Protein backbone atom coordinates (compact mmCIF):
# COMPACT_ATOMS: atom_id res chain seq x y z
CA MET A 1 -6.24 0.83 26.69
CA GLY A 2 -6.00 -2.89 25.90
CA LYS A 3 -5.45 -4.68 22.63
CA ARG A 4 -8.18 -4.06 20.07
CA LEU A 5 -9.40 -6.36 17.33
CA ILE A 6 -11.29 -4.56 14.57
CA ILE A 7 -13.72 -6.42 12.31
CA LEU A 8 -14.28 -4.92 8.86
CA GLY A 9 -16.11 -6.09 5.75
CA SER A 10 -13.12 -5.08 3.60
CA LEU A 11 -9.82 -3.25 3.91
CA PRO A 12 -10.37 0.18 2.34
CA PRO A 13 -7.27 2.38 1.92
CA ASN A 14 -9.06 5.38 3.43
CA ILE A 15 -8.76 3.89 6.94
CA PHE A 16 -5.10 4.92 6.69
CA ASN A 17 -5.81 8.58 5.72
CA ASN A 18 -3.88 9.91 8.72
CA TYR A 19 -0.61 8.32 7.57
CA LYS A 20 1.84 8.88 4.75
CA LYS A 21 2.56 5.16 4.15
CA PHE A 22 0.99 1.88 5.13
CA LYS A 23 1.83 -1.76 4.62
CA THR A 24 -0.39 -4.74 5.38
CA GLU A 25 0.15 -8.46 5.65
CA GLY A 26 -2.66 -10.98 5.86
CA ASP A 27 -3.12 -14.57 6.97
CA ARG A 28 -6.27 -16.50 6.15
CA ILE A 29 -8.33 -17.73 9.11
CA GLU A 30 -9.32 -21.24 8.09
CA SER A 31 -11.93 -22.25 10.69
CA LYS A 32 -14.55 -20.98 13.10
CA GLU A 33 -12.43 -22.37 15.95
CA GLU A 34 -9.39 -20.38 14.80
CA LEU A 35 -11.55 -17.24 14.65
CA ILE A 36 -12.85 -17.83 18.19
CA VAL A 37 -9.34 -18.40 19.59
CA THR A 38 -7.99 -15.32 17.78
CA ALA A 39 -10.78 -13.06 19.06
CA GLY A 40 -10.22 -14.36 22.60
CA LEU A 41 -6.71 -12.87 22.61
CA TYR A 42 -8.08 -9.31 22.62
CA ASP A 43 -9.44 -7.05 25.34
CA GLU A 44 -11.89 -5.43 22.96
CA VAL A 45 -13.53 -6.61 19.71
CA LEU A 46 -15.06 -3.78 17.67
CA ASN A 47 -17.21 -4.64 14.67
CA TYR A 48 -17.60 -2.12 11.84
CA ASN A 49 -19.08 -4.67 9.40
CA ARG A 50 -22.51 -3.67 8.09
CA HIS A 51 -23.73 -7.08 6.86
CA LYS A 52 -26.37 -8.18 9.38
CA PRO A 53 -26.32 -11.94 8.63
CA THR A 54 -22.52 -11.96 9.07
CA ASN A 55 -22.77 -9.89 12.26
CA ASP A 56 -25.38 -12.28 13.68
CA LYS A 57 -23.04 -15.26 13.12
CA LEU A 58 -20.03 -13.41 14.54
CA GLU A 59 -21.99 -12.56 17.68
CA GLU A 60 -23.15 -16.18 17.97
CA TRP A 61 -19.61 -17.53 17.60
CA ILE A 62 -17.54 -14.94 19.45
CA GLY A 63 -19.93 -13.00 21.70
CA GLY A 64 -19.01 -9.78 23.48
CA ILE A 65 -18.58 -7.87 20.23
CA THR A 66 -19.28 -4.15 20.19
CA THR A 67 -20.91 -3.27 16.87
CA ILE A 68 -20.25 0.29 15.75
CA ASN A 69 -22.28 2.03 13.07
CA GLY A 70 -19.69 4.47 11.83
CA GLU A 71 -16.39 4.96 10.06
CA TYR A 72 -13.20 3.29 11.25
CA SER A 73 -9.77 4.96 11.20
CA TYR A 74 -6.71 2.84 11.84
CA GLN A 75 -4.94 3.33 15.17
CA PRO A 76 -1.44 1.92 15.67
CA GLY A 77 -1.65 -1.35 17.55
CA ASP A 78 -5.05 -2.31 16.16
CA ASP A 79 -5.28 -5.72 14.53
CA ILE A 80 -7.89 -6.24 11.84
CA ILE A 81 -10.03 -9.13 10.69
CA THR A 82 -11.83 -8.77 7.38
CA VAL A 83 -14.95 -10.87 6.97
CA SER A 84 -16.88 -11.11 3.73
CA THR A 85 -19.21 -13.53 2.03
CA LYS A 86 -17.79 -15.92 -0.55
CA LYS A 87 -20.67 -15.21 -2.92
CA ARG A 88 -22.18 -11.91 -3.95
CA MET A 89 -25.92 -11.66 -4.42
CA ALA A 90 -27.29 -11.07 -7.92
CA VAL A 91 -29.80 -8.51 -6.64
CA SER A 92 -28.34 -5.33 -5.17
CA GLY A 93 -29.28 -4.88 -1.51
CA GLN A 94 -30.22 -8.53 -1.03
CA ASP A 95 -28.40 -10.13 1.91
CA ALA A 96 -26.41 -13.31 1.37
CA LEU A 97 -27.35 -16.00 3.87
CA ILE A 98 -24.65 -17.18 6.23
CA ASN A 99 -25.25 -20.78 7.33
CA SER A 100 -21.71 -21.67 8.40
CA PHE A 101 -18.13 -20.46 8.54
CA ASP A 102 -17.64 -21.99 5.08
CA ASP A 103 -19.84 -19.23 3.63
CA LEU A 104 -17.24 -16.60 4.63
CA VAL A 105 -13.76 -15.46 3.67
CA VAL A 106 -11.88 -14.34 6.80
CA TRP A 107 -8.43 -12.71 6.92
CA PHE A 108 -6.31 -11.58 9.87
CA VAL A 109 -4.48 -8.41 8.87
CA LYS A 110 -1.50 -6.72 10.52
CA ALA A 111 -0.72 -3.16 9.43
CA GLU A 112 2.33 -0.93 9.71
CA VAL A 113 2.10 2.82 9.22
CA GLU A 114 4.43 5.80 8.89
């Protein structure tokens, strides 16, 4: 199995349920170009994000993403990118529009588990 990049909308602690301890370290991804280069380093890009406008932009920018409608559990060796909108919508269930990379907050996360 090759290197996997996992895309999540947030970093919930329950993805580490199979481990006694976890530690994460994050670096902000500052540009669409940096995101594209980062994703290109992986054999597989799996997207667990549920926000359709964000997913549409990610597919446009990166391509070759496998979107999975299900729960993610951390596997040693996985690297994670969290992608969320900068602004929350006032109406619950209303999608925020994503016009450019500047509408997103993107973090590259490395995890260690015991």
